[in-house]
């Protein structure tokens, strides 16, 4: 009886006389040499005999053709697991978003912004009637208006239509006192009546008798 160390394992393929010291070597020989469904080298002119193991073909490409980027071949056999040291975790600075959150943010739809507010409307100017009323309630404006009228009368002394102050001024409005601004022209109250009429101020008759100020046209006042 042959000893275990001298035992040989022949190739089971008909017509092949190859023998091997281990059964695994005999199986590898049969797969690499005698089976028809082999993986061959795709490089033209290469004399690689072919193999049934994808790992052998990849090693051939890397060693002979320096091809490390070929497409991987699916391995059907289970290989022995080797302990590979896990890579050290990378340090992520505080506040830096992770890849998971970044991808979610990129895939999320953009937020819809609210429409801009409408432009602010400018308030309408006050009506003309209010503007005119505010002028008649302005004591400084009335005094200026009165001065303009008197200047026009003085420059037209030959005109018989010149209006004397007594024609449209009430005796209540001739005064040497000062006007206390409380609103309308009707509220003017003299502090002392002057019989000579040397100092006087315009009354309500000025508002009702003169309609166009700034022009040389004057209406003849109606004497009450």
C-alpha atoms as a PDB file:
ATOM      1  CA  UNK A   1       0.000   0.000   0.000  1.00  0.00           C
ATOM      2  CA  UNK A   2       1.378   3.393  -0.976  1.00  0.00           C
ATOM      3  CA  UNK A   3       2.139   5.897   1.687  1.00  0.00           C
ATOM      4  CA  UNK A   4       0.044   9.126   1.809  1.00  0.00           C
ATOM      5  CA  UNK A   5       3.091  11.211   0.880  1.00  0.00           C
ATOM      6  CA  UNK A   6       3.617   9.273  -2.387  1.00  0.00           C
ATOM      7  CA  UNK A   7      -0.032   9.229  -3.478  1.00  0.00           C
ATOM      8  CA  UNK A   8      -0.765  10.909  -6.809  1.00  0.00           C
ATOM      9  CA  UNK A   9      -4.060  12.374  -8.055  1.00  0.00           C
ATOM     10  CA  UNK A  10      -4.520  11.842 -11.787  1.00  0.00           C
ATOM     11  CA  UNK A  11      -6.483  14.085 -14.111  1.00  0.00           C
ATOM     12  CA  UNK A  12      -9.956  12.678 -14.778  1.00  0.00           C
ATOM     13  CA  UNK A  13     -10.116  14.051 -18.311  1.00  0.00           C
ATOM     14  CA  UNK A  14      -9.894  11.225 -20.899  1.00  0.00           C
ATOM     15  CA  UNK A  15      -6.531  11.030 -22.632  1.00  0.00           C
ATOM     16  CA  UNK A  16      -4.710  13.232 -20.083  1.00  0.00           C
ATOM     17  CA  UNK A  17      -1.904  11.507 -18.121  1.00  0.00           C
ATOM     18  CA  UNK A  18      -1.201  14.395 -15.722  1.00  0.00           C
ATOM     19  CA  UNK A  19      -0.991  13.574 -12.036  1.00  0.00           C
ATOM     20  CA  UNK A  20      -0.791  15.850  -8.999  1.00  0.00           C
ATOM     21  CA  UNK A  21       0.200  15.477  -5.391  1.00  0.00           C
ATOM     22  CA  UNK A  22      -2.983  17.178  -4.178  1.00  0.00           C
ATOM     23  CA  UNK A  23      -6.584  16.877  -5.245  1.00  0.00           C
ATOM     24  CA  UNK A  24      -6.975  20.617  -5.412  1.00  0.00           C
ATOM     25  CA  UNK A  25      -4.199  20.851  -7.946  1.00  0.00           C
ATOM     26  CA  UNK A  26      -5.848  18.188 -10.055  1.00  0.00           C
ATOM     27  CA  UNK A  27      -9.180  20.028  -9.991  1.00  0.00           C
ATOM     28  CA  UNK A  28      -7.492  23.288 -10.909  1.00  0.00           C
ATOM     29  CA  UNK A  29      -5.774  21.559 -13.807  1.00  0.00           C
ATOM     30  CA  UNK A  30      -9.057  20.187 -15.088  1.00  0.00           C
ATOM     31  CA  UNK A  31     -10.803  23.573 -14.849  1.00  0.00           C
ATOM     32  CA  UNK A  32      -7.993  25.513 -16.441  1.00  0.00           C
ATOM     33  CA  UNK A  33      -7.121  23.060 -19.196  1.00  0.00           C
ATOM     34  CA  UNK A  34      -9.950  20.787 -20.245  1.00  0.00           C
ATOM     35  CA  UNK A  35     -13.208  22.668 -19.762  1.00  0.00           C
ATOM     36  CA  UNK A  36     -14.764  24.435 -22.760  1.00  0.00           C
ATOM     37  CA  UNK A  37     -16.409  27.385 -20.945  1.00  0.00           C
ATOM     38  CA  UNK A  38     -13.188  29.233 -20.334  1.00  0.00           C
ATOM     39  CA  UNK A  39     -12.446  32.910 -19.786  1.00  0.00           C
ATOM     40  CA  UNK A  40      -9.952  33.945 -22.429  1.00  0.00           C
ATOM     41  CA  UNK A  41      -7.815  37.018 -22.791  1.00  0.00           C
ATOM     42  CA  UNK A  42      -9.295  39.654 -25.098  1.00  0.00           C
ATOM     43  CA  UNK A  43      -5.897  41.073 -26.119  1.00  0.00           C
ATOM     44  CA  UNK A  44      -5.063  40.181 -29.722  1.00  0.00           C
ATOM     45  CA  UNK A  45      -2.054  37.936 -30.091  1.00  0.00           C
ATOM     46  CA  UNK A  46      -2.014  36.817 -26.440  1.00  0.00           C
ATOM     47  CA  UNK A  47      -1.307  33.091 -25.992  1.00  0.00           C
ATOM     48  CA  UNK A  48      -3.140  32.834 -22.655  1.00  0.00           C
ATOM     49  CA  UNK A  49      -4.729  29.382 -22.604  1.00  0.00           C
ATOM     50  CA  UNK A  50      -7.803  30.501 -20.700  1.00  0.00           C
ATOM     51  CA  UNK A  51      -9.226  29.818 -17.258  1.00  0.00           C
ATOM     52  CA  UNK A  52     -12.475  29.245 -15.473  1.00  0.00           C
ATOM     53  CA  UNK A  53     -11.499  31.423 -12.552  1.00  0.00           C
ATOM     54  CA  UNK A  54     -11.972  35.173 -12.961  1.00  0.00           C
ATOM     55  CA  UNK A  55      -9.223  35.903 -10.451  1.00  0.00           C
ATOM     56  CA  UNK A  56      -6.648  34.151 -12.584  1.00  0.00           C
ATOM     57  CA  UNK A  57      -7.674  36.181 -15.651  1.00  0.00           C
ATOM     58  CA  UNK A  58      -7.471  39.444 -13.741  1.00  0.00           C
ATOM     59  CA  UNK A  59      -4.015  38.569 -12.469  1.00  0.00           C
ATOM     60  CA  UNK A  60      -2.955  37.772 -16.030  1.00  0.00           C
ATOM     61  CA  UNK A  61      -4.182  41.174 -17.248  1.00  0.00           C
ATOM     62  CA  UNK A  62      -2.384  42.987 -14.451  1.00  0.00           C
ATOM     63  CA  UNK A  63       0.898  41.077 -14.793  1.00  0.00           C
ATOM     64  CA  UNK A  64       1.175  40.774 -18.576  1.00  0.00           C
ATOM     65  CA  UNK A  65      -0.807  43.671 -20.039  1.00  0.00           C
ATOM     66  CA  UNK A  66      -0.603  46.166 -17.167  1.00  0.00           C
ATOM     67  CA  UNK A  67      -4.380  46.454 -17.323  1.00  0.00           C
ATOM     68  CA  UNK A  68      -5.822  47.338 -13.948  1.00  0.00           C
ATOM     69  CA  UNK A  69      -9.058  48.963 -15.180  1.00  0.00           C
ATOM     70  CA  UNK A  70     -10.789  46.040 -16.847  1.00  0.00           C
ATOM     71  CA  UNK A  71     -14.375  45.349 -15.957  1.00  0.00           C
ATOM     72  CA  UNK A  72     -14.730  43.102 -12.923  1.00  0.00           C
ATOM     73  CA  UNK A  73     -15.854  39.546 -13.534  1.00  0.00           C
ATOM     74  CA  UNK A  74     -18.504  37.968 -11.342  1.00  0.00           C
ATOM     75  CA  UNK A  75     -17.053  35.327  -9.053  1.00  0.00           C
ATOM     76  CA  UNK A  76     -19.323  32.353  -8.470  1.00  0.00           C
ATOM     77  CA  UNK A  77     -17.173  30.599  -5.905  1.00  0.00           C
ATOM     78  CA  UNK A  78     -16.917  31.629  -2.305  1.00  0.00           C
ATOM     79  CA  UNK A  79     -13.481  32.852  -1.383  1.00  0.00           C
ATOM     80  CA  UNK A  80     -11.858  32.699   1.987  1.00  0.00           C
ATOM     81  CA  UNK A  81     -12.311  35.930   3.911  1.00  0.00           C
ATOM     82  CA  UNK A  82      -9.215  37.850   4.815  1.00  0.00           C
ATOM     83  CA  UNK A  83      -9.104  40.296   7.647  1.00  0.00           C
ATOM     84  CA  UNK A  84      -8.664  43.740   6.177  1.00  0.00           C
ATOM     85  CA  UNK A  85      -8.048  46.627   8.582  1.00  0.00           C
ATOM     86  CA  UNK A  86     -10.884  49.074   8.497  1.00  0.00           C
ATOM     87  CA  UNK A  87      -9.938  52.578   7.416  1.00  0.00           C
ATOM     88  CA  UNK A  88      -9.687  55.136  10.167  1.00  0.00           C
ATOM     89  CA  UNK A  89     -12.693  57.436  10.314  1.00  0.00           C
ATOM     90  CA  UNK A  90     -12.127  60.832   8.786  1.00  0.00           C
ATOM     91  CA  UNK A  91     -12.381  63.832  11.016  1.00  0.00           C
ATOM     92  CA  UNK A  92     -15.348  65.950  10.055  1.00  0.00           C
ATOM     93  CA  UNK A  93     -15.161  69.555  11.340  1.00  0.00           C
ATOM     94  CA  UNK A  94     -17.935  70.706  13.589  1.00  0.00           C
ATOM     95  CA  UNK A  95     -20.780  72.282  11.672  1.00  0.00           C
ATOM     96  CA  UNK A  96     -19.903  70.624   8.340  1.00  0.00           C
ATOM     97  CA  UNK A  97     -22.963  68.851   6.848  1.00  0.00           C
ATOM     98  CA  UNK A  98     -22.536  65.187   6.065  1.00  0.00           C
ATOM     99  CA  UNK A  99     -22.835  63.669   2.617  1.00  0.00           C
ATOM    100  CA  UNK A 100     -26.236  62.266   3.488  1.00  0.00           C
ATOM    101  CA  UNK A 101     -27.639  65.644   4.381  1.00  0.00           C
ATOM    102  CA  UNK A 102     -25.984  67.288   1.401  1.00  0.00           C
ATOM    103  CA  UNK A 103     -27.537  64.808  -1.005  1.00  0.00           C
ATOM    104  CA  UNK A 104     -30.914  65.284   0.604  1.00  0.00           C
ATOM    105  CA  UNK A 105     -30.608  69.027   0.328  1.00  0.00           C
ATOM    106  CA  UNK A 106     -29.686  68.793  -3.338  1.00  0.00           C
ATOM    107  CA  UNK A 107     -32.570  66.474  -4.124  1.00  0.00           C
ATOM    108  CA  UNK A 108     -35.142  68.455  -2.168  1.00  0.00           C
ATOM    109  CA  UNK A 109     -37.252  70.901  -4.207  1.00  0.00           C
ATOM    110  CA  UNK A 110     -36.453  74.586  -3.826  1.00  0.00           C
ATOM    111  CA  UNK A 111     -38.486  76.520  -1.324  1.00  0.00           C
ATOM    112  CA  UNK A 112     -41.054  78.888  -2.783  1.00  0.00           C
ATOM    113  CA  UNK A 113     -40.514  82.458  -1.689  1.00  0.00           C
ATOM    114  CA  UNK A 114     -43.515  84.643  -0.836  1.00  0.00           C
ATOM    115  CA  UNK A 115     -44.413  87.300  -3.418  1.00  0.00           C
ATOM    116  CA  UNK A 116     -42.966  90.753  -2.787  1.00  0.00           C
ATOM    117  CA  UNK A 117     -45.293  93.250  -1.108  1.00  0.00           C
ATOM    118  CA  UNK A 118     -47.063  95.725  -3.412  1.00  0.00           C
ATOM    119  CA  UNK A 119     -45.476  99.168  -3.681  1.00  0.00           C
ATOM    120  CA  UNK A 120     -46.702 101.698  -1.161  1.00  0.00           C
ATOM    121  CA  UNK A 121     -49.257 104.080  -2.586  1.00  0.00           C
ATOM    122  CA  UNK A 122     -48.556 107.764  -2.194  1.00  0.00           C
ATOM    123  CA  UNK A 123     -51.343 109.629  -0.419  1.00  0.00           C
ATOM    124  CA  UNK A 124     -53.453 111.805  -2.648  1.00  0.00           C
ATOM    125  CA  UNK A 125     -52.883 115.554  -2.315  1.00  0.00           C
ATOM    126  CA  UNK A 126     -55.603 117.442  -0.435  1.00  0.00           C
ATOM    127  CA  UNK A 127     -58.448 118.776  -2.560  1.00  0.00           C
ATOM    128  CA  UNK A 128     -58.177 122.287  -3.907  1.00  0.00           C
ATOM    129  CA  UNK A 129     -60.989 123.479  -1.683  1.00  0.00           C
ATOM    130  CA  UNK A 130     -59.082 122.430   1.433  1.00  0.00           C
ATOM    131  CA  UNK A 131     -55.938 124.136   0.154  1.00  0.00           C
ATOM    132  CA  UNK A 132     -57.789 127.397  -0.481  1.00  0.00           C
ATOM    133  CA  UNK A 133     -59.492 127.199   2.897  1.00  0.00           C
ATOM    134  CA  UNK A 134     -56.139 126.720   4.611  1.00  0.00           C
ATOM    135  CA  UNK A 135     -54.834 129.864   2.885  1.00  0.00           C
ATOM    136  CA  UNK A 136     -57.784 131.936   4.082  1.00  0.00           C
ATOM    137  CA  UNK A 137     -57.136 130.734   7.614  1.00  0.00           C
ATOM    138  CA  UNK A 138     -53.472 131.791   7.425  1.00  0.00           C
ATOM    139  CA  UNK A 139     -53.045 135.247   9.007  1.00  0.00           C
ATOM    140  CA  UNK A 140     -49.656 135.856   7.373  1.00  0.00           C
ATOM    141  CA  UNK A 141     -51.038 135.034   3.927  1.00  0.00           C
ATOM    142  CA  UNK A 142     -53.992 137.397   4.421  1.00  0.00           C
ATOM    143  CA  UNK A 143     -51.734 140.242   5.437  1.00  0.00           C
ATOM    144  CA  UNK A 144     -49.569 139.636   2.362  1.00  0.00           C
ATOM    145  CA  UNK A 145     -52.663 139.538   0.170  1.00  0.00           C
ATOM    146  CA  UNK A 146     -53.913 142.767   1.617  1.00  0.00           C
ATOM    147  CA  UNK A 147     -50.564 144.470   0.984  1.00  0.00           C
ATOM    148  CA  UNK A 148     -50.615 143.341  -2.671  1.00  0.00           C
ATOM    149  CA  UNK A 149     -54.113 144.728  -3.154  1.00  0.00           C
ATOM    150  CA  UNK A 150     -53.178 148.071  -1.680  1.00  0.00           C
ATOM    151  CA  UNK A 151     -50.124 148.298  -3.927  1.00  0.00           C
ATOM    152  CA  UNK A 152     -52.306 147.645  -6.960  1.00  0.00           C
ATOM    153  CA  UNK A 153     -54.731 150.364  -5.881  1.00  0.00           C
ATOM    154  CA  UNK A 154     -51.939 152.866  -5.361  1.00  0.00           C
ATOM    155  CA  UNK A 155     -50.484 152.155  -8.810  1.00  0.00           C
ATOM    156  CA  UNK A 156     -53.863 152.829 -10.455  1.00  0.00           C
ATOM    157  CA  UNK A 157     -54.879 156.146  -8.851  1.00  0.00           C
ATOM    158  CA  UNK A 158     -56.544 157.387 -12.060  1.00  0.00           C
ATOM    159  CA  UNK A 159     -58.985 154.529 -12.074  1.00  0.00           C
ATOM    160  CA  UNK A 160     -62.381 155.555 -10.705  1.00  0.00           C
ATOM    161  CA  UNK A 161     -62.928 152.003  -9.569  1.00  0.00           C
ATOM    162  CA  UNK A 162     -60.320 152.325  -6.816  1.00  0.00           C
ATOM    163  CA  UNK A 163     -61.743 150.837  -3.661  1.00  0.00           C
ATOM    164  CA  UNK A 164     -61.509 152.817  -0.429  1.00  0.00           C
ATOM    165  CA  UNK A 165     -61.068 150.751   2.698  1.00  0.00           C
ATOM    166  CA  UNK A 166     -64.330 152.115   4.171  1.00  0.00           C
ATOM    167  CA  UNK A 167     -66.283 150.545   1.321  1.00  0.00           C
ATOM    168  CA  UNK A 168     -65.720 146.977   2.453  1.00  0.00           C
ATOM    169  CA  UNK A 169     -64.335 147.222   5.976  1.00  0.00           C
ATOM    170  CA  UNK A 170     -66.554 147.119   9.001  1.00  0.00           C
ATOM    171  CA  UNK A 171     -65.762 149.463  11.846  1.00  0.00           C
ATOM    172  CA  UNK A 172     -65.269 146.419  14.028  1.00  0.00           C
ATOM    173  CA  UNK A 173     -62.213 145.452  12.006  1.00  0.00           C
ATOM    174  CA  UNK A 174     -60.328 148.773  12.208  1.00  0.00           C
ATOM    175  CA  UNK A 175     -58.037 148.440  15.124  1.00  0.00           C
ATOM    176  CA  UNK A 176     -54.645 149.341  16.411  1.00  0.00           C
ATOM    177  CA  UNK A 177     -54.393 146.035  18.239  1.00  0.00           C
ATOM    178  CA  UNK A 178     -52.876 142.756  17.021  1.00  0.00           C
ATOM    179  CA  UNK A 179     -54.685 139.734  15.565  1.00  0.00           C
ATOM    180  CA  UNK A 180     -54.895 136.577  17.662  1.00  0.00           C
ATOM    181  CA  UNK A 181     -54.671 133.621  15.214  1.00  0.00           C
ATOM    182  CA  UNK A 182     -57.532 131.268  16.125  1.00  0.00           C
ATOM    183  CA  UNK A 183     -58.571 130.036  12.673  1.00  0.00           C
ATOM    184  CA  UNK A 184     -60.867 131.912  10.291  1.00  0.00           C
ATOM    185  CA  UNK A 185     -60.975 135.571   9.319  1.00  0.00           C
ATOM    186  CA  UNK A 186     -64.313 136.007  11.098  1.00  0.00           C
ATOM    187  CA  UNK A 187     -62.577 135.455  14.465  1.00  0.00           C
ATOM    188  CA  UNK A 188     -60.469 138.603  14.284  1.00  0.00           C
ATOM    189  CA  UNK A 189     -61.219 140.669  17.377  1.00  0.00           C
ATOM    190  CA  UNK A 190     -59.758 144.190  17.771  1.00  0.00           C
ATOM    191  CA  UNK A 191     -58.609 145.298  21.177  1.00  0.00           C
ATOM    192  CA  UNK A 192     -59.358 148.983  20.534  1.00  0.00           C
ATOM    193  CA  UNK A 193     -61.471 150.726  17.866  1.00  0.00           C
ATOM    194  CA  UNK A 194     -59.788 153.620  16.068  1.00  0.00           C
ATOM    195  CA  UNK A 195     -62.125 156.342  14.765  1.00  0.00           C
ATOM    196  CA  UNK A 196     -59.474 157.763  12.459  1.00  0.00           C
ATOM    197  CA  UNK A 197     -59.050 154.430  10.703  1.00  0.00           C
ATOM    198  CA  UNK A 198     -55.330 154.948  10.318  1.00  0.00           C
ATOM    199  CA  UNK A 199     -54.537 151.336  11.085  1.00  0.00           C
ATOM    200  CA  UNK A 200     -56.795 148.531   9.801  1.00  0.00           C
ATOM    201  CA  UNK A 201     -56.748 144.902   8.727  1.00  0.00           C
ATOM    202  CA  UNK A 202     -58.733 142.977   6.071  1.00  0.00           C
ATOM    203  CA  UNK A 203     -62.106 141.554   7.037  1.00  0.00           C
ATOM    204  CA  UNK A 204     -64.468 138.930   5.637  1.00  0.00           C
ATOM    205  CA  UNK A 205     -65.358 141.356   2.888  1.00  0.00           C
ATOM    206  CA  UNK A 206     -61.863 140.785   1.447  1.00  0.00           C
ATOM    207  CA  UNK A 207     -62.640 137.104   0.973  1.00  0.00           C
ATOM    208  CA  UNK A 208     -66.092 137.631  -0.527  1.00  0.00           C
ATOM    209  CA  UNK A 209     -65.381 140.634  -2.731  1.00  0.00           C
ATOM    210  CA  UNK A 210     -62.058 139.604  -4.375  1.00  0.00           C
ATOM    211  CA  UNK A 211     -62.139 136.376  -6.362  1.00  0.00           C
ATOM    212  CA  UNK A 212     -58.997 136.702  -8.533  1.00  0.00           C
ATOM    213  CA  UNK A 213     -55.871 137.770  -6.661  1.00  0.00           C
ATOM    214  CA  UNK A 214     -52.659 138.271  -8.596  1.00  0.00           C
ATOM    215  CA  UNK A 215     -54.418 139.734 -11.629  1.00  0.00           C
ATOM    216  CA  UNK A 216     -55.168 143.428 -12.289  1.00  0.00           C
ATOM    217  CA  UNK A 217     -58.889 142.740 -12.464  1.00  0.00           C
ATOM    218  CA  UNK A 218     -60.861 143.782  -9.397  1.00  0.00           C
ATOM    219  CA  UNK A 219     -64.562 143.584  -8.748  1.00  0.00           C
ATOM    220  CA  UNK A 220     -66.197 146.655  -7.363  1.00  0.00           C
ATOM    221  CA  UNK A 221     -67.080 145.898  -3.744  1.00  0.00           C
ATOM    222  CA  UNK A 222     -70.674 145.949  -2.716  1.00  0.00           C
ATOM    223  CA  UNK A 223     -71.262 148.376   0.075  1.00  0.00           C
ATOM    224  CA  UNK A 224     -73.430 146.911   2.809  1.00  0.00           C
END
